[in-house]
Amino acid sequence: MKERDAAPAERGKPATYTGDKKAKMAAKTNKKWVRLATVFAYVLSVSLAAIVLAVYYSLIWQPVGAGTSGGA
């Protein structure tokens, strides 16, 4: 039982990494933020386009009758 009590104290120690490992972890974090920002920008732009079209078609656009050109 005492061995189990000692284990959490060892887990609480901060991990030490070499410079190469730190650089890889930082690069991975940067890639994650770039991917997240790209997805956010895509969702925002598509949503904005949908809102603009909805406003246009509901408030501005006036449809013209299909068979009223005066032909036959």
N, C-alpha and C. Protein backbone atom coordinates (compact mmCIF):
# COMPACT_ATOMS: atom_id res chain seq x y z
N MET A 1 0.81 -1.19 0.00
CA MET A 1 0.00 0.00 0.00
C MET A 1 0.86 1.26 0.00
N LYS A 2 2.01 1.22 0.66
CA LYS A 2 2.88 2.39 0.70
C LYS A 2 3.49 2.66 -0.66
N GLU A 3 3.70 1.62 -1.46
CA GLU A 3 4.22 1.82 -2.81
C GLU A 3 3.23 2.61 -3.66
N ARG A 4 1.96 2.35 -3.48
CA ARG A 4 0.93 3.08 -4.22
C ARG A 4 0.89 4.54 -3.79
N ASP A 5 1.10 4.81 -2.52
CA ASP A 5 1.07 6.18 -2.03
C ASP A 5 2.25 6.99 -2.59
N ALA A 6 3.35 6.34 -2.87
CA ALA A 6 4.51 7.04 -3.39
C ALA A 6 4.37 7.36 -4.88
N ALA A 7 3.55 6.60 -5.58
CA ALA A 7 3.41 6.77 -7.02
C ALA A 7 2.86 8.15 -7.40
N PRO A 8 1.81 8.68 -6.75
CA PRO A 8 1.31 10.00 -7.15
C PRO A 8 2.35 11.10 -6.98
N ALA A 9 3.23 10.98 -6.00
CA ALA A 9 4.26 12.00 -5.82
C ALA A 9 5.21 12.00 -7.01
N GLU A 10 5.51 10.82 -7.54
CA GLU A 10 6.39 10.74 -8.70
C GLU A 10 5.70 11.30 -9.94
N ARG A 11 4.41 11.09 -10.04
CA ARG A 11 3.68 11.61 -11.20
C ARG A 11 3.59 13.12 -11.18
N GLY A 12 3.69 13.72 -10.01
CA GLY A 12 3.57 15.16 -9.90
C GLY A 12 4.81 15.91 -10.38
N LYS A 13 5.90 15.21 -10.60
CA LYS A 13 7.13 15.86 -11.06
C LYS A 13 6.94 16.36 -12.49
N PRO A 14 7.43 17.54 -12.78
CA PRO A 14 7.32 18.02 -14.17
C PRO A 14 8.24 17.21 -15.09
N ALA A 15 7.78 16.95 -16.26
CA ALA A 15 8.56 16.20 -17.24
C ALA A 15 9.67 17.08 -17.78
N THR A 16 10.82 16.48 -17.99
CA THR A 16 11.93 17.22 -18.58
C THR A 16 12.14 16.71 -19.99
N TYR A 17 12.22 17.62 -20.93
CA TYR A 17 12.36 17.27 -22.34
C TYR A 17 13.64 17.87 -22.89
N THR A 18 14.16 17.22 -23.89
CA THR A 18 15.31 17.79 -24.58
C THR A 18 14.83 18.92 -25.48
N GLY A 19 15.75 19.71 -25.98
CA GLY A 19 15.38 20.82 -26.85
C GLY A 19 14.67 20.36 -28.10
N ASP A 20 15.08 19.22 -28.64
CA ASP A 20 14.44 18.69 -29.85
C ASP A 20 12.99 18.30 -29.58
N LYS A 21 12.76 17.67 -28.45
CA LYS A 21 11.40 17.25 -28.09
C LYS A 21 10.51 18.47 -27.86
N LYS A 22 11.05 19.50 -27.21
CA LYS A 22 10.29 20.74 -26.99
C LYS A 22 9.92 21.39 -28.31
N ALA A 23 10.85 21.40 -29.25
CA ALA A 23 10.59 22.01 -30.56
C ALA A 23 9.49 21.26 -31.30
N LYS A 24 9.53 19.94 -31.23
CA LYS A 24 8.50 19.13 -31.89
C LYS A 24 7.13 19.37 -31.27
N MET A 25 7.09 19.47 -29.94
CA MET A 25 5.81 19.70 -29.27
C MET A 25 5.27 21.09 -29.60
N ALA A 26 6.14 22.08 -29.69
CA ALA A 26 5.72 23.43 -30.04
C ALA A 26 5.20 23.49 -31.47
N ALA A 27 5.87 22.78 -32.37
CA ALA A 27 5.42 22.75 -33.77
C ALA A 27 4.07 22.08 -33.88
N LYS A 28 3.85 21.03 -33.10
CA LYS A 28 2.57 20.33 -33.13
C LYS A 28 1.45 21.24 -32.62
N THR A 29 1.74 22.00 -31.57
CA THR A 29 0.76 22.94 -31.03
C THR A 29 0.44 24.02 -32.05
N ASN A 30 1.46 24.53 -32.75
CA ASN A 30 1.23 25.56 -33.77
C ASN A 30 0.38 25.02 -34.91
N LYS A 31 0.63 23.78 -35.33
CA LYS A 31 -0.17 23.18 -36.39
C LYS A 31 -1.62 23.05 -35.96
N LYS A 32 -1.84 22.73 -34.69
CA LYS A 32 -3.20 22.58 -34.19
C LYS A 32 -3.94 23.91 -34.25
N TRP A 33 -3.27 24.99 -33.85
CA TRP A 33 -3.90 26.31 -33.87
C TRP A 33 -4.16 26.78 -35.30
N VAL A 34 -3.25 26.49 -36.20
CA VAL A 34 -3.45 26.87 -37.60
C VAL A 34 -4.65 26.13 -38.18
N ARG A 35 -4.75 24.84 -37.89
CA ARG A 35 -5.87 24.05 -38.38
C ARG A 35 -7.18 24.55 -37.79
N LEU A 36 -7.18 24.85 -36.50
CA LEU A 36 -8.39 25.35 -35.85
C LEU A 36 -8.80 26.70 -36.42
N ALA A 37 -7.84 27.58 -36.65
CA ALA A 37 -8.15 28.90 -37.22
C ALA A 37 -8.68 28.77 -38.64
N THR A 38 -8.14 27.83 -39.41
CA THR A 38 -8.61 27.62 -40.77
C THR A 38 -10.05 27.12 -40.79
N VAL A 39 -10.35 26.17 -39.93
CA VAL A 39 -11.72 25.64 -39.85
C VAL A 39 -12.68 26.74 -39.40
N PHE A 40 -12.27 27.53 -38.43
CA PHE A 40 -13.12 28.62 -37.95
C PHE A 40 -13.39 29.63 -39.05
N ALA A 41 -12.36 29.99 -39.81
CA ALA A 41 -12.52 30.95 -40.90
C ALA A 41 -13.44 30.39 -41.98
N TYR A 42 -13.33 29.10 -42.28
CA TYR A 42 -14.18 28.47 -43.29
C TYR A 42 -15.65 28.49 -42.85
N VAL A 43 -15.91 28.08 -41.61
CA VAL A 43 -17.29 28.06 -41.11
C VAL A 43 -17.86 29.46 -41.08
N LEU A 44 -17.07 30.42 -40.66
CA LEU A 44 -17.53 31.81 -40.61
C LEU A 44 -17.86 32.34 -42.00
N SER A 45 -17.01 32.07 -42.98
CA SER A 45 -17.25 32.59 -44.33
C SER A 45 -18.47 31.94 -44.97
N VAL A 46 -18.63 30.63 -44.79
CA VAL A 46 -19.80 29.96 -45.37
C VAL A 46 -21.08 30.44 -44.70
N SER A 47 -21.04 30.62 -43.39
CA SER A 47 -22.23 31.10 -42.68
C SER A 47 -22.57 32.53 -43.09
N LEU A 48 -21.55 33.35 -43.26
CA LEU A 48 -21.79 34.74 -43.68
C LEU A 48 -22.41 34.79 -45.07
N ALA A 49 -21.92 33.95 -45.97
CA ALA A 49 -22.49 33.91 -47.32
C ALA A 49 -23.94 33.46 -47.27
N ALA A 50 -24.25 32.48 -46.43
CA ALA A 50 -25.63 32.01 -46.31
C ALA A 50 -26.54 33.10 -45.75
N ILE A 51 -26.05 33.86 -44.79
CA ILE A 51 -26.86 34.94 -44.21
C ILE A 51 -27.09 36.05 -45.24
N VAL A 52 -26.06 36.40 -45.99
CA VAL A 52 -26.21 37.44 -47.02
C VAL A 52 -27.22 37.00 -48.07
N LEU A 53 -27.14 35.76 -48.53
CA LEU A 53 -28.10 35.28 -49.52
C LEU A 53 -29.52 35.24 -48.96
N ALA A 54 -29.68 34.83 -47.72
CA ALA A 54 -31.01 34.78 -47.10
C ALA A 54 -31.61 36.17 -47.00
N VAL A 55 -30.81 37.15 -46.63
CA VAL A 55 -31.31 38.53 -46.54
C VAL A 55 -31.66 39.04 -47.92
N TYR A 56 -30.81 38.77 -48.91
CA TYR A 56 -31.07 39.23 -50.27
C TYR A 56 -32.37 38.66 -50.81
N TYR A 57 -32.53 37.34 -50.71
CA TYR A 57 -33.71 36.71 -51.29
C TYR A 57 -34.98 37.01 -50.51
N SER A 58 -34.88 37.31 -49.24
CA SER A 58 -36.10 37.58 -48.48
C SER A 58 -36.50 39.06 -48.50
N LEU A 59 -35.54 39.97 -48.67
CA LEU A 59 -35.89 41.39 -48.59
C LEU A 59 -35.73 42.17 -49.90
N ILE A 60 -34.82 41.79 -50.75
CA ILE A 60 -34.48 42.62 -51.91
C ILE A 60 -34.99 42.04 -53.22
N TRP A 61 -34.81 40.78 -53.46
CA TRP A 61 -35.08 40.17 -54.76
C TRP A 61 -36.57 40.18 -55.08
N GLN A 62 -36.88 40.62 -56.28
CA GLN A 62 -38.27 40.61 -56.77
C GLN A 62 -38.36 39.66 -57.95
N PRO A 63 -38.98 38.50 -57.77
CA PRO A 63 -39.05 37.54 -58.88
C PRO A 63 -39.94 38.06 -60.00
N VAL A 64 -39.58 37.71 -61.23
CA VAL A 64 -40.34 38.07 -62.41
C VAL A 64 -41.14 36.85 -62.82
N GLY A 65 -42.40 37.04 -63.23
CA GLY A 65 -43.25 35.93 -63.64
C GLY A 65 -42.65 35.16 -64.80
N ALA A 66 -42.77 33.84 -64.82
CA ALA A 66 -42.12 33.00 -65.81
C ALA A 66 -42.79 33.06 -67.18
N GLY A 67 -44.09 33.10 -67.28
CA GLY A 67 -44.75 33.07 -68.59
C GLY A 67 -45.36 34.36 -69.03
N THR A 68 -44.86 35.49 -68.62
CA THR A 68 -45.48 36.78 -68.93
C THR A 68 -44.67 37.60 -69.92
N SER A 69 -43.95 36.96 -70.83
CA SER A 69 -43.12 37.73 -71.77
C SER A 69 -43.94 38.24 -72.96
N GLY A 70 -45.19 37.86 -73.10
CA GLY A 70 -46.03 38.39 -74.17
C GLY A 70 -45.86 37.64 -75.48
N GLY A 71 -45.33 36.45 -75.45
CA GLY A 71 -45.12 35.68 -76.68
C GLY A 71 -46.44 35.17 -77.24
N ALA A 72 -46.53 33.92 -77.51
CA ALA A 72 -47.71 33.32 -78.14
C ALA A 72 -48.82 33.30 -77.20
